[in-house]
Amino acid sequence: QVMTLGDLAGLSPERAKALLGSRG
């Protein structure tokens, strides 16, 4: 459910790493 750049911008660092790896 991360559809837009705004959705991605609101992710926590931990969630971003889980979805996109170390560059999250």
mmCIF file of all heavy atoms, coordinates in Angstrom:
data_MODEL
# 
_entry.id   MODEL 
# 
loop_
_atom_site.group_PDB 
_atom_site.id 
_atom_site.type_symbol 
_atom_site.label_atom_id 
_atom_site.label_alt_id 
_atom_site.label_comp_id 
_atom_site.label_asym_id 
_atom_site.label_entity_id 
_atom_site.label_seq_id 
_atom_site.pdbx_PDB_ins_code 
_atom_site.Cartn_x 
_atom_site.Cartn_y 
_atom_site.Cartn_z 
_atom_site.occupancy 
_atom_site.B_iso_or_equiv 
_atom_site.pdbx_formal_charge 
_atom_site.auth_seq_id 
_atom_site.auth_comp_id 
_atom_site.auth_asym_id 
_atom_site.auth_atom_id 
_atom_site.pdbx_PDB_model_num 
ATOM 1   N N   . GLN A 1 1  ? 0.809  -1.225 0.000  1.00 0.00 ? 1  GLN A N   1 
ATOM 2   C CA  . GLN A 1 1  ? 0.000  0.000  0.000  1.00 0.00 ? 1  GLN A CA  1 
ATOM 3   C C   . GLN A 1 1  ? 0.841  1.272  0.000  1.00 0.00 ? 1  GLN A C   1 
ATOM 4   O O   . GLN A 1 1  ? 0.380  2.329  0.425  1.00 0.00 ? 1  GLN A O   1 
ATOM 5   C CB  . GLN A 1 1  ? -0.970 0.017  1.190  1.00 0.00 ? 1  GLN A CB  1 
ATOM 6   C CG  . GLN A 1 1  ? -1.951 -1.149 1.204  1.00 0.00 ? 1  GLN A CG  1 
ATOM 7   C CD  . GLN A 1 1  ? -2.774 -1.232 -0.084 1.00 0.00 ? 1  GLN A CD  1 
ATOM 8   O OE1 . GLN A 1 1  ? -3.400 -0.255 -0.481 1.00 0.00 ? 1  GLN A OE1 1 
ATOM 9   N NE2 . GLN A 1 1  ? -2.751 -2.395 -0.747 1.00 0.00 ? 1  GLN A NE2 1 
ATOM 10  N N   . VAL A 1 2  ? 2.061  1.179  -0.467 1.00 0.00 ? 2  VAL A N   1 
ATOM 11  C CA  . VAL A 1 2  ? 2.900  2.365  -0.662 1.00 0.00 ? 2  VAL A CA  1 
ATOM 12  C C   . VAL A 1 2  ? 2.785  2.717  -2.140 1.00 0.00 ? 2  VAL A C   1 
ATOM 13  O O   . VAL A 1 2  ? 3.554  2.255  -2.981 1.00 0.00 ? 2  VAL A O   1 
ATOM 14  C CB  . VAL A 1 2  ? 4.368  2.108  -0.259 1.00 0.00 ? 2  VAL A CB  1 
ATOM 15  C CG1 . VAL A 1 2  ? 5.215  3.372  -0.445 1.00 0.00 ? 2  VAL A CG1 1 
ATOM 16  C CG2 . VAL A 1 2  ? 4.443  1.632  1.189  1.00 0.00 ? 2  VAL A CG2 1 
ATOM 17  N N   . MET A 1 3  ? 1.793  3.528  -2.465 1.00 0.00 ? 3  MET A N   1 
ATOM 18  C CA  . MET A 1 3  ? 1.438  3.786  -3.848 1.00 0.00 ? 3  MET A CA  1 
ATOM 19  C C   . MET A 1 3  ? 2.092  5.038  -4.419 1.00 0.00 ? 3  MET A C   1 
ATOM 20  O O   . MET A 1 3  ? 2.372  5.118  -5.605 1.00 0.00 ? 3  MET A O   1 
ATOM 21  C CB  . MET A 1 3  ? -0.083 3.935  -3.982 1.00 0.00 ? 3  MET A CB  1 
ATOM 22  C CG  . MET A 1 3  ? -0.889 2.897  -3.217 1.00 0.00 ? 3  MET A CG  1 
ATOM 23  S SD  . MET A 1 3  ? -0.849 1.276  -3.991 1.00 0.00 ? 3  MET A SD  1 
ATOM 24  C CE  . MET A 1 3  ? -1.897 1.547  -5.406 1.00 0.00 ? 3  MET A CE  1 
ATOM 25  N N   . THR A 1 4  ? 2.293  6.035  -3.576 1.00 0.00 ? 4  THR A N   1 
ATOM 26  C CA  . THR A 1 4  ? 2.785  7.331  -4.043 1.00 0.00 ? 4  THR A CA  1 
ATOM 27  C C   . THR A 1 4  ? 4.092  7.692  -3.346 1.00 0.00 ? 4  THR A C   1 
ATOM 28  O O   . THR A 1 4  ? 4.488  7.076  -2.347 1.00 0.00 ? 4  THR A O   1 
ATOM 29  C CB  . THR A 1 4  ? 1.759  8.442  -3.754 1.00 0.00 ? 4  THR A CB  1 
ATOM 30  O OG1 . THR A 1 4  ? 1.647  8.608  -2.324 1.00 0.00 ? 4  THR A OG1 1 
ATOM 31  C CG2 . THR A 1 4  ? 0.395  8.094  -4.337 1.00 0.00 ? 4  THR A CG2 1 
ATOM 32  N N   . LEU A 1 5  ? 4.742  8.713  -3.871 1.00 0.00 ? 5  LEU A N   1 
ATOM 33  C CA  . LEU A 1 5  ? 5.957  9.201  -3.224 1.00 0.00 ? 5  LEU A CA  1 
ATOM 34  C C   . LEU A 1 5  ? 5.647  9.749  -1.834 1.00 0.00 ? 5  LEU A C   1 
ATOM 35  O O   . LEU A 1 5  ? 6.467  9.666  -0.921 1.00 0.00 ? 5  LEU A O   1 
ATOM 36  C CB  . LEU A 1 5  ? 6.616  10.277 -4.091 1.00 0.00 ? 5  LEU A CB  1 
ATOM 37  C CG  . LEU A 1 5  ? 7.214  9.773  -5.407 1.00 0.00 ? 5  LEU A CG  1 
ATOM 38  C CD1 . LEU A 1 5  ? 7.746  10.944 -6.229 1.00 0.00 ? 5  LEU A CD1 1 
ATOM 39  C CD2 . LEU A 1 5  ? 8.326  8.766  -5.156 1.00 0.00 ? 5  LEU A CD2 1 
ATOM 40  N N   . GLY A 1 6  ? 4.449  10.300 -1.654 1.00 0.00 ? 6  GLY A N   1 
ATOM 41  C CA  . GLY A 1 6  ? 4.045  10.763 -0.336 1.00 0.00 ? 6  GLY A CA  1 
ATOM 42  C C   . GLY A 1 6  ? 3.938  9.610  0.652  1.00 0.00 ? 6  GLY A C   1 
ATOM 43  O O   . GLY A 1 6  ? 4.326  9.742  1.826  1.00 0.00 ? 6  GLY A O   1 
ATOM 44  N N   . ASP A 1 7  ? 3.404  8.469  0.186  1.00 0.00 ? 7  ASP A N   1 
ATOM 45  C CA  . ASP A 1 7  ? 3.339  7.284  1.050  1.00 0.00 ? 7  ASP A CA  1 
ATOM 46  C C   . ASP A 1 7  ? 4.741  6.849  1.458  1.00 0.00 ? 7  ASP A C   1 
ATOM 47  O O   . ASP A 1 7  ? 4.985  6.523  2.632  1.00 0.00 ? 7  ASP A O   1 
ATOM 48  C CB  . ASP A 1 7  ? 2.650  6.131  0.322  1.00 0.00 ? 7  ASP A CB  1 
ATOM 49  C CG  . ASP A 1 7  ? 1.181  6.407  0.019  1.00 0.00 ? 7  ASP A CG  1 
ATOM 50  O OD1 . ASP A 1 7  ? 0.575  7.230  0.737  1.00 0.00 ? 7  ASP A OD1 1 
ATOM 51  O OD2 . ASP A 1 7  ? 0.662  5.816  -0.942 1.00 0.00 ? 7  ASP A OD2 1 
ATOM 52  N N   . LEU A 1 8  ? 5.654  6.840  0.498  1.00 0.00 ? 8  LEU A N   1 
ATOM 53  C CA  . LEU A 1 8  ? 7.029  6.434  0.786  1.00 0.00 ? 8  LEU A CA  1 
ATOM 54  C C   . LEU A 1 8  ? 7.697  7.424  1.734  1.00 0.00 ? 8  LEU A C   1 
ATOM 55  O O   . LEU A 1 8  ? 8.422  7.028  2.658  1.00 0.00 ? 8  LEU A O   1 
ATOM 56  C CB  . LEU A 1 8  ? 7.819  6.327  -0.520 1.00 0.00 ? 8  LEU A CB  1 
ATOM 57  C CG  . LEU A 1 8  ? 9.295  5.928  -0.401 1.00 0.00 ? 8  LEU A CG  1 
ATOM 58  C CD1 . LEU A 1 8  ? 9.452  4.585  0.296  1.00 0.00 ? 8  LEU A CD1 1 
ATOM 59  C CD2 . LEU A 1 8  ? 9.952  5.878  -1.786 1.00 0.00 ? 8  LEU A CD2 1 
ATOM 60  N N   . ALA A 1 9  ? 7.441  8.700  1.522  1.00 0.00 ? 9  ALA A N   1 
ATOM 61  C CA  . ALA A 1 9  ? 8.054  9.730  2.357  1.00 0.00 ? 9  ALA A CA  1 
ATOM 62  C C   . ALA A 1 9  ? 7.649  9.604  3.817  1.00 0.00 ? 9  ALA A C   1 
ATOM 63  O O   . ALA A 1 9  ? 8.374  10.047 4.712  1.00 0.00 ? 9  ALA A O   1 
ATOM 64  C CB  . ALA A 1 9  ? 7.677  11.117 1.838  1.00 0.00 ? 9  ALA A CB  1 
ATOM 65  N N   . GLY A 1 10 ? 6.495  8.986  4.086  1.00 0.00 ? 10 GLY A N   1 
ATOM 66  C CA  . GLY A 1 10 ? 6.007  8.867  5.453  1.00 0.00 ? 10 GLY A CA  1 
ATOM 67  C C   . GLY A 1 10 ? 6.475  7.624  6.174  1.00 0.00 ? 10 GLY A C   1 
ATOM 68  O O   . GLY A 1 10 ? 6.140  7.445  7.358  1.00 0.00 ? 10 GLY A O   1 
ATOM 69  N N   . LEU A 1 11 ? 7.251  6.761  5.511  1.00 0.00 ? 11 LEU A N   1 
ATOM 70  C CA  . LEU A 1 11 ? 7.708  5.528  6.157  1.00 0.00 ? 11 LEU A CA  1 
ATOM 71  C C   . LEU A 1 11 ? 8.784  5.810  7.196  1.00 0.00 ? 11 LEU A C   1 
ATOM 72  O O   . LEU A 1 11 ? 9.612  6.705  7.037  1.00 0.00 ? 11 LEU A O   1 
ATOM 73  C CB  . LEU A 1 11 ? 8.260  4.545  5.121  1.00 0.00 ? 11 LEU A CB  1 
ATOM 74  C CG  . LEU A 1 11 ? 7.294  3.984  4.072  1.00 0.00 ? 11 LEU A CG  1 
ATOM 75  C CD1 . LEU A 1 11 ? 8.020  2.978  3.199  1.00 0.00 ? 11 LEU A CD1 1 
ATOM 76  C CD2 . LEU A 1 11 ? 6.073  3.367  4.718  1.00 0.00 ? 11 LEU A CD2 1 
ATOM 77  N N   . SER A 1 12 ? 8.797  5.010  8.227  1.00 0.00 ? 12 SER A N   1 
ATOM 78  C CA  . SER A 1 12 ? 9.877  5.086  9.220  1.00 0.00 ? 12 SER A CA  1 
ATOM 79  C C   . SER A 1 12 ? 11.133 4.463  8.629  1.00 0.00 ? 12 SER A C   1 
ATOM 80  O O   . SER A 1 12 ? 11.051 3.653  7.687  1.00 0.00 ? 12 SER A O   1 
ATOM 81  C CB  . SER A 1 12 ? 9.479  4.327  10.485 1.00 0.00 ? 12 SER A CB  1 
ATOM 82  O OG  . SER A 1 12 ? 9.395  2.926  10.209 1.00 0.00 ? 12 SER A OG  1 
ATOM 83  N N   . PRO A 1 13 ? 12.319 4.801  9.156  1.00 0.00 ? 13 PRO A N   1 
ATOM 84  C CA  . PRO A 1 13 ? 13.552 4.192  8.650  1.00 0.00 ? 13 PRO A CA  1 
ATOM 85  C C   . PRO A 1 13 ? 13.523 2.663  8.718  1.00 0.00 ? 13 PRO A C   1 
ATOM 86  O O   . PRO A 1 13 ? 14.007 1.991  7.798  1.00 0.00 ? 13 PRO A O   1 
ATOM 87  C CB  . PRO A 1 13 ? 14.636 4.773  9.554  1.00 0.00 ? 13 PRO A CB  1 
ATOM 88  C CG  . PRO A 1 13 ? 14.074 6.075  10.024 1.00 0.00 ? 13 PRO A CG  1 
ATOM 89  C CD  . PRO A 1 13 ? 12.595 5.838  10.167 1.00 0.00 ? 13 PRO A CD  1 
ATOM 90  N N   . GLU A 1 14 ? 12.947 2.132  9.791  1.00 0.00 ? 14 GLU A N   1 
ATOM 91  C CA  . GLU A 1 14 ? 12.892 0.677  9.943  1.00 0.00 ? 14 GLU A CA  1 
ATOM 92  C C   . GLU A 1 14 ? 12.010 0.036  8.875  1.00 0.00 ? 14 GLU A C   1 
ATOM 93  O O   . GLU A 1 14 ? 12.373 -1.001 8.287  1.00 0.00 ? 14 GLU A O   1 
ATOM 94  C CB  . GLU A 1 14 ? 12.371 0.316  11.346 1.00 0.00 ? 14 GLU A CB  1 
ATOM 95  C CG  . GLU A 1 14 ? 13.258 0.739  12.503 1.00 0.00 ? 14 GLU A CG  1 
ATOM 96  C CD  . GLU A 1 14 ? 13.224 2.235  12.760 1.00 0.00 ? 14 GLU A CD  1 
ATOM 97  O OE1 . GLU A 1 14 ? 12.220 2.889  12.350 1.00 0.00 ? 14 GLU A OE1 1 
ATOM 98  O OE2 . GLU A 1 14 ? 14.188 2.747  13.361 1.00 0.00 ? 14 GLU A OE2 1 
ATOM 99  N N   . ARG A 1 15 ? 10.853 0.646  8.632  1.00 0.00 ? 15 ARG A N   1 
ATOM 100 C CA  . ARG A 1 15 ? 9.950  0.109  7.618  1.00 0.00 ? 15 ARG A CA  1 
ATOM 101 C C   . ARG A 1 15 ? 10.571 0.228  6.225  1.00 0.00 ? 15 ARG A C   1 
ATOM 102 O O   . ARG A 1 15 ? 10.440 -0.681 5.394  1.00 0.00 ? 15 ARG A O   1 
ATOM 103 C CB  . ARG A 1 15 ? 8.619  0.871  7.662  1.00 0.00 ? 15 ARG A CB  1 
ATOM 104 C CG  . ARG A 1 15 ? 7.556  0.364  6.718  1.00 0.00 ? 15 ARG A CG  1 
ATOM 105 C CD  . ARG A 1 15 ? 7.141  -1.029 7.071  1.00 0.00 ? 15 ARG A CD  1 
ATOM 106 N NE  . ARG A 1 15 ? 6.021  -1.467 6.251  1.00 0.00 ? 15 ARG A NE  1 
ATOM 107 C CZ  . ARG A 1 15 ? 5.800  -2.746 5.936  1.00 0.00 ? 15 ARG A CZ  1 
ATOM 108 N NH1 . ARG A 1 15 ? 6.623  -3.690 6.370  1.00 0.00 ? 15 ARG A NH1 1 
ATOM 109 N NH2 . ARG A 1 15 ? 4.763  -3.071 5.195  1.00 0.00 ? 15 ARG A NH2 1 
ATOM 110 N N   . ALA A 1 16 ? 11.254 1.333  5.975  1.00 0.00 ? 16 ALA A N   1 
ATOM 111 C CA  . ALA A 1 16 ? 11.895 1.530  4.676  1.00 0.00 ? 16 ALA A CA  1 
ATOM 112 C C   . ALA A 1 16 ? 12.986 0.482  4.434  1.00 0.00 ? 16 ALA A C   1 
ATOM 113 O O   . ALA A 1 16 ? 13.109 -0.058 3.329  1.00 0.00 ? 16 ALA A O   1 
ATOM 114 C CB  . ALA A 1 16 ? 12.491 2.934  4.601  1.00 0.00 ? 16 ALA A CB  1 
ATOM 115 N N   . LYS A 1 17 ? 13.757 0.164  5.478  1.00 0.00 ? 17 LYS A N   1 
ATOM 116 C CA  . LYS A 1 17 ? 14.793 -0.866 5.335  1.00 0.00 ? 17 LYS A CA  1 
ATOM 117 C C   . LYS A 1 17 ? 14.172 -2.228 5.078  1.00 0.00 ? 17 LYS A C   1 
ATOM 118 O O   . LYS A 1 17 ? 14.702 -3.033 4.287  1.00 0.00 ? 17 LYS A O   1 
ATOM 119 C CB  . LYS A 1 17 ? 15.652 -0.914 6.598  1.00 0.00 ? 17 LYS A CB  1 
ATOM 120 C CG  . LYS A 1 17 ? 16.629 0.243  6.734  1.00 0.00 ? 17 LYS A CG  1 
ATOM 121 C CD  . LYS A 1 17 ? 17.488 0.082  7.984  1.00 0.00 ? 17 LYS A CD  1 
ATOM 122 C CE  . LYS A 1 17 ? 18.472 1.237  8.117  1.00 0.00 ? 17 LYS A CE  1 
ATOM 123 N NZ  . LYS A 1 17 ? 19.309 1.097  9.340  1.00 0.00 ? 17 LYS A NZ  1 
ATOM 124 N N   . ALA A 1 18 ? 13.049 -2.502 5.728  1.00 0.00 ? 18 ALA A N   1 
ATOM 125 C CA  . ALA A 1 18 ? 12.392 -3.792 5.546  1.00 0.00 ? 18 ALA A CA  1 
ATOM 126 C C   . ALA A 1 18 ? 11.909 -3.962 4.109  1.00 0.00 ? 18 ALA A C   1 
ATOM 127 O O   . ALA A 1 18 ? 11.933 -5.070 3.561  1.00 0.00 ? 18 ALA A O   1 
ATOM 128 C CB  . ALA A 1 18 ? 11.230 -3.928 6.529  1.00 0.00 ? 18 ALA A CB  1 
ATOM 129 N N   . LEU A 1 19 ? 11.479 -2.874 3.492  1.00 0.00 ? 19 LEU A N   1 
ATOM 130 C CA  . LEU A 1 19 ? 10.927 -2.951 2.142  1.00 0.00 ? 19 LEU A CA  1 
ATOM 131 C C   . LEU A 1 19 ? 11.978 -2.766 1.048  1.00 0.00 ? 19 LEU A C   1 
ATOM 132 O O   . LEU A 1 19 ? 11.854 -3.348 -0.033 1.00 0.00 ? 19 LEU A O   1 
ATOM 133 C CB  . LEU A 1 19 ? 9.824  -1.895 1.970  1.00 0.00 ? 19 LEU A CB  1 
ATOM 134 C CG  . LEU A 1 19 ? 8.542  -2.114 2.772  1.00 0.00 ? 19 LEU A CG  1 
ATOM 135 C CD1 . LEU A 1 19 ? 7.616  -0.911 2.601  1.00 0.00 ? 19 LEU A CD1 1 
ATOM 136 C CD2 . LEU A 1 19 ? 7.838  -3.387 2.326  1.00 0.00 ? 19 LEU A CD2 1 
ATOM 137 N N   . LEU A 1 20 ? 13.003 -1.949 1.327  1.00 0.00 ? 20 LEU A N   1 
ATOM 138 C CA  . LEU A 1 20 ? 13.947 -1.565 0.272  1.00 0.00 ? 20 LEU A CA  1 
ATOM 139 C C   . LEU A 1 20 ? 15.398 -1.846 0.616  1.00 0.00 ? 20 LEU A C   1 
ATOM 140 O O   . LEU A 1 20 ? 16.293 -1.441 -0.130 1.00 0.00 ? 20 LEU A O   1 
ATOM 141 C CB  . LEU A 1 20 ? 13.772 -0.075 -0.051 1.00 0.00 ? 20 LEU A CB  1 
ATOM 142 C CG  . LEU A 1 20 ? 12.413 0.320  -0.640 1.00 0.00 ? 20 LEU A CG  1 
ATOM 143 C CD1 . LEU A 1 20 ? 12.274 1.840  -0.670 1.00 0.00 ? 20 LEU A CD1 1 
ATOM 144 C CD2 . LEU A 1 20 ? 12.227 -0.254 -2.034 1.00 0.00 ? 20 LEU A CD2 1 
ATOM 145 N N   . GLY A 1 21 ? 15.651 -2.503 1.720  1.00 0.00 ? 21 GLY A N   1 
ATOM 146 C CA  . GLY A 1 21 ? 17.025 -2.812 2.082  1.00 0.00 ? 21 GLY A CA  1 
ATOM 147 C C   . GLY A 1 21 ? 17.736 -1.629 2.717  1.00 0.00 ? 21 GLY A C   1 
ATOM 148 O O   . GLY A 1 21 ? 17.109 -0.658 3.155  1.00 0.00 ? 21 GLY A O   1 
ATOM 149 N N   . SER A 1 22 ? 19.050 -1.694 2.731  1.00 0.00 ? 22 SER A N   1 
ATOM 150 C CA  . SER A 1 22 ? 19.841 -0.684 3.433  1.00 0.00 ? 22 SER A CA  1 
ATOM 151 C C   . SER A 1 22 ? 19.685 0.717  2.852  1.00 0.00 ? 22 SER A C   1 
ATOM 152 O O   . SER A 1 22 ? 19.883 1.714  3.546  1.00 0.00 ? 22 SER A O   1 
ATOM 153 C CB  . SER A 1 22 ? 21.322 -1.075 3.415  1.00 0.00 ? 22 SER A CB  1 
ATOM 154 O OG  . SER A 1 22 ? 21.797 -1.176 2.073  1.00 0.00 ? 22 SER A OG  1 
ATOM 155 N N   . ARG A 1 23 ? 19.295 0.815  1.575  1.00 0.00 ? 23 ARG A N   1 
ATOM 156 C CA  . ARG A 1 23 ? 19.118 2.122  0.951  1.00 0.00 ? 23 ARG A CA  1 
ATOM 157 C C   . ARG A 1 23 ? 17.733 2.710  1.202  1.00 0.00 ? 23 ARG A C   1 
ATOM 158 O O   . ARG A 1 23 ? 17.428 3.804  0.743  1.00 0.00 ? 23 ARG A O   1 
ATOM 159 C CB  . ARG A 1 23 ? 19.360 2.030  -0.561 1.00 0.00 ? 23 ARG A CB  1 
ATOM 160 C CG  . ARG A 1 23 ? 20.793 1.652  -0.939 1.00 0.00 ? 23 ARG A CG  1 
ATOM 161 C CD  . ARG A 1 23 ? 20.952 1.615  -2.444 1.00 0.00 ? 23 ARG A CD  1 
ATOM 162 N NE  . ARG A 1 23 ? 20.697 2.896  -3.060 1.00 0.00 ? 23 ARG A NE  1 
ATOM 163 C CZ  . ARG A 1 23 ? 20.491 3.072  -4.367 1.00 0.00 ? 23 ARG A CZ  1 
ATOM 164 N NH1 . ARG A 1 23 ? 20.481 2.030  -5.177 1.00 0.00 ? 23 ARG A NH1 1 
ATOM 165 N NH2 . ARG A 1 23 ? 20.263 4.280  -4.858 1.00 0.00 ? 23 ARG A NH2 1 
ATOM 166 N N   . GLY A 1 24 ? 16.901 1.973  1.921  1.00 0.00 ? 24 GLY A N   1 
ATOM 167 C CA  . GLY A 1 24 ? 15.536 2.413  2.149  1.00 0.00 ? 24 GLY A CA  1 
ATOM 168 C C   . GLY A 1 24 ? 15.414 3.830  2.687  1.00 0.00 ? 24 GLY A C   1 
ATOM 169 O O   . GLY A 1 24 ? 14.665 4.649  2.130  1.00 0.00 ? 24 GLY A O   1 
# 
